[in-house]
Each structure stands twice: as C-alpha cells, then as structure tokens.
C-alpha cells in the first residue's frame, strides 16, 4: 500500500508547506524587529509581533502538522516494526475519524477468542487510500503497526 515514492512525495510536499508558512511569518517577525529598532510606536511593534506569531502558529497547525503526521505514518509503515494478524472482516465504519493526526476508517476484524471474549480487534485503515471492497465474513491477513493497517491480503481458506 505504501512505497518509498510516497514517502519522497510527502516529504517534498512538507518542505513546500513549511516554506510557504515560514516566509510570511518570518517577514512579519522581521518587520516587528525593524519597527522595534527604528522606534516605531509601541502598538505597531506589538501588533506585528502578534500577527507574526499568530500566522506562524495558525498556519503550522492547519497546513504543516497534518502533512507532518501523515509523513510520520508512512515512515512507520515503511520502516517501523509491524505484525501480522489473520482474522475475519466484520465491518468498517462509513465515517472517517482522526487518529494521531491522520484520517482513518475504523474497522473491526474478528481473530477468534483472545484477550477479549468476543475476539474482535479494532484496526484503522488510511482514509487517503481507496476504500477496500471487503465483504463481511472474508478472511484477511492484515499487516499493521500499532493498529494502523499498512498492508492487507485476502486469505484463501483451504478445505
């Protein structure tokens, strides 16, 4: 599901966003320093400082942090520790939720009796990828880190 090209692409996008956010915020803060050095009215310096900081914080939270979180997710998917779970697909929620800064679809896979009596396990499938066409009752082999799906395969049951 994830490739090194995806990681390179998201890294380039993150670099562009950081630059696009950093330049306006830096210009406002530099202007605030210039206004302080030239002894402009105190209100102007304060307004420029507040505008620069607010721009930096707002733009980082809205534009940089989501891409950074997704880059981290792809990095874990490609290079992190993972484990495989085989189970029967039960359901996938229709609505995406945010987990660790990325949009995912919660899904339930039954692995039989285990830690919990019902054997159901909660996994999260990346909402940025095409939604799989799994049917309830299909047996899947899911590779995940934590409980975020990074690969999957249908398992053929031998009779």
Protein backbone atom coordinates (compact mmCIF):
# COMPACT_ATOMS: atom_id res chain seq x y z
CA UNK A 1 0.00 0.00 0.00
CA UNK A 2 2.88 2.38 0.74
CA UNK A 3 6.04 2.85 -1.32
CA UNK A 4 9.26 4.82 -0.99
CA UNK A 5 7.94 7.12 -3.74
CA UNK A 6 5.00 8.02 -1.48
CA UNK A 7 7.44 8.94 1.28
CA UNK A 8 9.54 11.08 -1.07
CA UNK A 9 6.41 12.80 -2.39
CA UNK A 10 5.03 13.61 1.07
CA UNK A 11 8.48 14.83 2.18
CA UNK A 12 8.60 17.24 -0.79
CA UNK A 13 5.08 18.44 -0.02
CA UNK A 14 6.02 19.00 3.63
CA UNK A 15 9.09 21.01 2.61
CA UNK A 16 6.97 23.23 0.32
CA UNK A 17 4.37 23.82 3.02
CA UNK A 18 6.97 24.69 5.64
CA UNK A 19 8.48 27.21 3.25
CA UNK A 20 5.08 28.67 2.33
CA UNK A 21 4.20 29.08 6.02
CA UNK A 22 7.63 30.18 7.19
CA UNK A 23 8.21 33.03 4.76
CA UNK A 24 5.15 35.18 5.65
CA UNK A 25 5.58 34.56 9.38
CA UNK A 26 9.29 35.36 9.21
CA UNK A 27 8.64 38.54 7.25
CA UNK A 28 6.15 39.76 9.85
CA UNK A 29 8.53 38.98 12.69
CA UNK A 30 11.45 40.66 10.88
CA UNK A 31 9.24 43.69 10.33
CA UNK A 32 8.45 43.68 14.06
CA UNK A 33 12.19 43.67 14.86
CA UNK A 34 12.77 46.53 12.39
CA UNK A 35 9.90 48.51 13.93
CA UNK A 36 11.45 47.99 17.36
CA UNK A 37 14.90 49.06 16.16
CA UNK A 38 13.52 52.16 14.40
CA UNK A 39 11.45 53.01 17.48
CA UNK A 40 8.08 52.94 15.75
CA UNK A 41 5.09 53.30 18.07
CA UNK A 42 4.86 50.50 20.61
CA UNK A 43 1.41 49.43 19.35
CA UNK A 44 2.74 48.84 15.83
CA UNK A 45 5.59 46.65 17.10
CA UNK A 46 3.23 44.68 19.33
CA UNK A 47 0.71 44.21 16.51
CA UNK A 48 3.41 42.99 14.11
CA UNK A 49 4.78 40.57 16.71
CA UNK A 50 1.32 39.18 17.48
CA UNK A 51 0.45 38.93 13.78
CA UNK A 52 3.71 37.09 13.00
CA UNK A 53 3.32 34.64 15.88
CA UNK A 54 -0.38 34.06 15.17
CA UNK A 55 0.34 33.48 11.48
CA UNK A 56 3.10 31.01 12.29
CA UNK A 57 1.03 29.05 14.81
CA UNK A 58 -2.21 29.02 12.78
CA UNK A 59 -0.56 28.04 9.52
CA UNK A 60 1.55 25.36 11.19
CA UNK A 61 -1.48 23.76 12.83
CA UNK A 62 -3.68 23.97 9.73
CA UNK A 63 -1.23 23.29 6.90
CA UNK A 64 2.00 21.74 8.17
CA UNK A 65 1.02 19.47 11.09
CA UNK A 66 -1.37 17.21 9.10
CA UNK A 67 1.22 16.60 6.37
CA UNK A 68 3.90 16.02 9.00
CA UNK A 69 1.68 13.46 10.78
CA UNK A 70 0.99 11.64 7.51
CA UNK A 71 4.71 11.59 6.67
CA UNK A 72 5.38 10.05 10.07
CA UNK A 73 2.67 7.45 9.39
CA UNK A 74 4.24 6.50 6.04
CA UNK A 75 7.67 6.34 7.67
CA UNK A 76 6.36 3.91 10.31
CA UNK A 77 4.61 1.89 7.63
CA UNK A 78 7.81 1.51 5.59
CA UNK A 79 10.46 1.26 8.29
CA UNK A 80 8.75 0.58 11.60
CA UNK A 81 8.09 -2.63 13.45
CA UNK A 82 4.91 -4.35 12.33
CA UNK A 83 2.98 -7.53 12.93
CA UNK A 84 0.52 -9.68 11.04
CA UNK A 85 -2.98 -10.61 12.15
CA UNK A 86 -5.27 -13.04 10.39
CA UNK A 87 -8.96 -12.72 11.01
CA UNK A 88 -12.43 -12.42 9.61
CA UNK A 89 -13.54 -8.98 8.44
CA UNK A 90 -16.61 -7.82 10.38
CA UNK A 91 -17.22 -4.19 9.40
CA UNK A 92 -15.77 -0.79 8.53
CA UNK A 93 -17.26 2.50 9.69
CA UNK A 94 -18.59 4.81 6.99
CA UNK A 95 -17.21 7.94 8.64
CA UNK A 96 -13.52 8.71 8.92
CA UNK A 97 -12.04 9.74 12.25
CA UNK A 98 -8.76 11.42 13.15
CA UNK A 99 -6.17 9.29 14.90
CA UNK A 100 -2.66 10.56 15.57
CA UNK A 101 -3.33 13.42 13.15
CA UNK A 102 -4.37 11.32 10.15
CA UNK A 103 -7.80 10.50 8.80
CA UNK A 104 -8.70 6.81 9.11
CA UNK A 105 -11.69 4.49 8.85
CA UNK A 106 -12.18 2.31 11.94
CA UNK A 107 -12.67 -1.34 11.09
CA UNK A 108 -13.33 -4.49 13.08
CA UNK A 109 -11.66 -7.85 12.45
CA UNK A 110 -12.52 -10.96 14.45
CA UNK A 111 -9.50 -13.10 15.32
CA UNK A 112 -11.36 -15.64 17.43
CA UNK A 113 -11.13 -15.98 21.19
CA UNK A 114 -8.32 -13.93 22.63
CA UNK A 115 -7.69 -11.15 25.07
CA UNK A 116 -11.30 -10.05 24.90
CA UNK A 117 -14.11 -12.60 24.98
CA UNK A 118 -15.52 -11.70 21.56
CA UNK A 119 -12.13 -11.76 19.74
CA UNK A 120 -12.86 -8.53 17.86
CA UNK A 121 -9.90 -6.27 17.10
CA UNK A 122 -10.12 -2.63 16.11
CA UNK A 123 -7.90 -1.53 13.24
CA UNK A 124 -7.65 1.76 11.37
CA UNK A 125 -7.46 1.94 7.57
CA UNK A 126 -5.98 5.05 5.92
CA UNK A 127 -8.81 7.23 4.59
CA UNK A 128 -6.46 8.76 1.99
CA UNK A 129 -6.34 5.41 0.19
CA UNK A 130 -9.18 3.90 -1.86
CA UNK A 131 -11.70 2.14 0.34
CA UNK A 132 -11.32 -1.65 0.01
CA UNK A 133 -14.23 -3.76 -1.26
CA UNK A 134 -14.16 -6.29 1.58
CA UNK A 135 -17.31 -8.21 2.38
CA UNK A 136 -18.28 -9.26 5.89
CA UNK A 137 -17.02 -12.78 6.52
CA UNK A 138 -13.91 -12.53 4.30
CA UNK A 139 -10.68 -13.76 5.85
CA UNK A 140 -7.88 -11.20 5.72
CA UNK A 141 -4.21 -11.14 6.58
CA UNK A 142 -3.53 -7.67 7.95
CA UNK A 143 -0.06 -6.24 8.47
CA UNK A 144 -0.09 -3.30 10.87
CA UNK A 145 1.95 -1.20 13.22
CA UNK A 146 0.11 -0.39 16.40
CA UNK A 147 -3.38 -0.88 14.95
CA UNK A 148 -2.93 1.10 11.72
CA UNK A 149 -3.17 -1.12 8.63
CA UNK A 150 -0.15 -0.90 6.32
CA UNK A 151 -0.81 -3.96 4.09
CA UNK A 152 -3.53 -6.50 3.64
CA UNK A 153 -4.25 -9.60 1.63
CA UNK A 154 -7.23 -11.87 1.19
CA UNK A 155 -6.64 -15.36 2.59
CA UNK A 156 -7.91 -18.39 0.74
CA UNK A 157 -9.28 -20.95 3.20
CA UNK A 158 -8.17 -24.47 2.32
CA UNK A 159 -10.95 -27.03 2.55
